[in-house]
Amino acid sequence: MSEQEEENAVKIPRNQTEQVRVGVKEFKGKSYIDIRIYYMDDQGDWKPTKKGVSLSTEYIAELKDAVNIIEGQIQALEEAE
């Protein structure tokens, strides 16, 4: 991701030295949804790992549907406790 793309990414803490970043990136003139794990290096800078996935932005509706389904599954688990 470019510096601007990284600034706009949603950052989700995974632990003290890792975070998941979700954002939009461009590659070869096409836009992608990028979900990637970043780690903090020895200098305190965040660096991307190879662990992640890029999806064409045309799949945004399917991604939203997946999040809604997961929310329902989490709610059902919490109600079962």
C-alpha atoms as a PDB file:
ATOM      1  CA  MET A   1       0.000   0.000   0.000  1.00  0.00           C
ATOM      2  CA  SER A   2       1.131   3.541  -0.628  1.00  0.00           C
ATOM      3  CA  GLU A   3       1.649   5.875   2.325  1.00  0.00           C
ATOM      4  CA  GLN A   4      -1.759   7.480   1.663  1.00  0.00           C
ATOM      5  CA  GLU A   5      -3.440   4.069   1.382  1.00  0.00           C
ATOM      6  CA  GLU A   6      -1.809   2.995   4.664  1.00  0.00           C
ATOM      7  CA  GLU A   7      -2.999   6.176   6.409  1.00  0.00           C
ATOM      8  CA  ASN A   8      -6.576   5.467   5.298  1.00  0.00           C
ATOM      9  CA  ALA A   9      -6.492   1.792   6.287  1.00  0.00           C
ATOM     10  CA  VAL A  10      -8.484   0.568   9.261  1.00  0.00           C
ATOM     11  CA  LYS A  11      -6.056  -0.738  11.883  1.00  0.00           C
ATOM     12  CA  ILE A  12      -7.194  -3.570  14.144  1.00  0.00           C
ATOM     13  CA  PRO A  13      -4.796  -4.519  16.972  1.00  0.00           C
ATOM     14  CA  ARG A  14      -3.935  -8.221  17.036  1.00  0.00           C
ATOM     15  CA  ASN A  15      -1.411  -8.028  19.879  1.00  0.00           C
ATOM     16  CA  GLN A  16       1.340  -5.611  20.958  1.00  0.00           C
ATOM     17  CA  THR A  17       3.507  -6.252  17.904  1.00  0.00           C
ATOM     18  CA  GLU A  18       0.936  -7.106  15.229  1.00  0.00           C
ATOM     19  CA  GLN A  19      -2.096  -5.479  13.679  1.00  0.00           C
ATOM     20  CA  VAL A  20      -4.482  -6.267  10.855  1.00  0.00           C
ATOM     21  CA  ARG A  21      -4.932  -3.489   8.320  1.00  0.00           C
ATOM     22  CA  VAL A  22      -7.942  -3.339   6.039  1.00  0.00           C
ATOM     23  CA  GLY A  23      -7.905  -0.867   3.201  1.00  0.00           C
ATOM     24  CA  VAL A  24      -8.103  -0.218  -0.509  1.00  0.00           C
ATOM     25  CA  LYS A  25      -5.000  -0.398  -2.663  1.00  0.00           C
ATOM     26  CA  GLU A  26      -4.302   0.020  -6.350  1.00  0.00           C
ATOM     27  CA  PHE A  27      -2.242  -2.424  -8.357  1.00  0.00           C
ATOM     28  CA  LYS A  28      -1.733  -2.256 -12.109  1.00  0.00           C
ATOM     29  CA  GLY A  29      -4.594   0.220 -12.450  1.00  0.00           C
ATOM     30  CA  LYS A  30      -7.135  -1.891 -10.531  1.00  0.00           C
ATOM     31  CA  SER A  31      -8.487  -1.327  -7.012  1.00  0.00           C
ATOM     32  CA  TYR A  32      -8.402  -4.077  -4.394  1.00  0.00           C
ATOM     33  CA  ILE A  33      -9.603  -4.588  -0.833  1.00  0.00           C
ATOM     34  CA  ASP A  34      -6.448  -5.552   1.066  1.00  0.00           C
ATOM     35  CA  ILE A  35      -6.590  -7.352   4.420  1.00  0.00           C
ATOM     36  CA  ARG A  36      -3.073  -7.861   5.746  1.00  0.00           C
ATOM     37  CA  ILE A  37      -1.141  -8.537   8.937  1.00  0.00           C
ATOM     38  CA  TYR A  38       1.525  -5.962   9.810  1.00  0.00           C
ATOM     39  CA  TYR A  39       4.264  -6.388  12.408  1.00  0.00           C
ATOM     40  CA  MET A  40       6.371  -3.899  14.335  1.00  0.00           C
ATOM     41  CA  ASP A  41      10.061  -4.151  13.485  1.00  0.00           C
ATOM     42  CA  ASP A  42      12.967  -3.537  15.885  1.00  0.00           C
ATOM     43  CA  GLN A  43      12.921   0.197  15.058  1.00  0.00           C
ATOM     44  CA  GLY A  44       9.222   0.498  15.944  1.00  0.00           C
ATOM     45  CA  ASP A  45       8.032   0.787  12.334  1.00  0.00           C
ATOM     46  CA  TRP A  46       5.033  -1.148  11.014  1.00  0.00           C
ATOM     47  CA  LYS A  47       5.862  -3.508   8.118  1.00  0.00           C
ATOM     48  CA  PRO A  48       3.512  -5.656   6.008  1.00  0.00           C
ATOM     49  CA  THR A  49       3.766  -9.437   6.030  1.00  0.00           C
ATOM     50  CA  LYS A  50       2.877 -11.843   3.241  1.00  0.00           C
ATOM     51  CA  LYS A  51      -0.021 -13.016   5.431  1.00  0.00           C
ATOM     52  CA  GLY A  52      -3.120 -11.486   3.949  1.00  0.00           C
ATOM     53  CA  VAL A  53      -5.529 -11.421   1.078  1.00  0.00           C
ATOM     54  CA  SER A  54      -6.477  -8.976  -1.659  1.00  0.00           C
ATOM     55  CA  LEU A  55      -9.944  -9.071  -3.175  1.00  0.00           C
ATOM     56  CA  SER A  56     -11.282  -7.192  -6.157  1.00  0.00           C
ATOM     57  CA  THR A  57     -13.454  -4.300  -4.979  1.00  0.00           C
ATOM     58  CA  GLU A  58     -16.321  -5.886  -6.915  1.00  0.00           C
ATOM     59  CA  TYR A  59     -16.620  -8.337  -3.978  1.00  0.00           C
ATOM     60  CA  ILE A  60     -17.412  -5.680  -1.360  1.00  0.00           C
ATOM     61  CA  ALA A  61     -21.058  -6.833  -1.093  1.00  0.00           C
ATOM     62  CA  GLU A  62     -19.970 -10.423  -0.449  1.00  0.00           C
ATOM     63  CA  LEU A  63     -17.492  -9.226   2.179  1.00  0.00           C
ATOM     64  CA  LYS A  64     -20.233  -7.233   3.931  1.00  0.00           C
ATOM     65  CA  ASP A  65     -22.528 -10.284   3.814  1.00  0.00           C
ATOM     66  CA  ALA A  66     -19.757 -12.415   5.360  1.00  0.00           C
ATOM     67  CA  VAL A  67     -19.316  -9.922   8.226  1.00  0.00           C
ATOM     68  CA  ASN A  68     -23.082  -9.918   8.855  1.00  0.00           C
ATOM     69  CA  ILE A  69     -23.160 -13.728   8.931  1.00  0.00           C
ATOM     70  CA  ILE A  70     -20.208 -13.817  11.345  1.00  0.00           C
ATOM     71  CA  GLU A  71     -21.905 -11.255  13.600  1.00  0.00           C
ATOM     72  CA  GLY A  72     -24.973 -13.504  13.723  1.00  0.00           C
ATOM     73  CA  GLN A  73     -22.837 -16.525  14.573  1.00  0.00           C
ATOM     74  CA  ILE A  74     -21.089 -14.617  17.377  1.00  0.00           C
ATOM     75  CA  GLN A  75     -24.435 -13.427  18.756  1.00  0.00           C
ATOM     76  CA  ALA A  76     -25.786 -16.994  18.712  1.00  0.00           C
ATOM     77  CA  LEU A  77     -22.698 -18.242  20.581  1.00  0.00           C
ATOM     78  CA  GLU A  78     -23.018 -15.513  23.194  1.00  0.00           C
ATOM     79  CA  GLU A  79     -26.705 -16.263  23.703  1.00  0.00           C
ATOM     80  CA  ALA A  80     -25.908 -19.951  24.146  1.00  0.00           C
ATOM     81  CA  GLU A  81     -23.513 -19.217  27.034  1.00  0.00           C
END
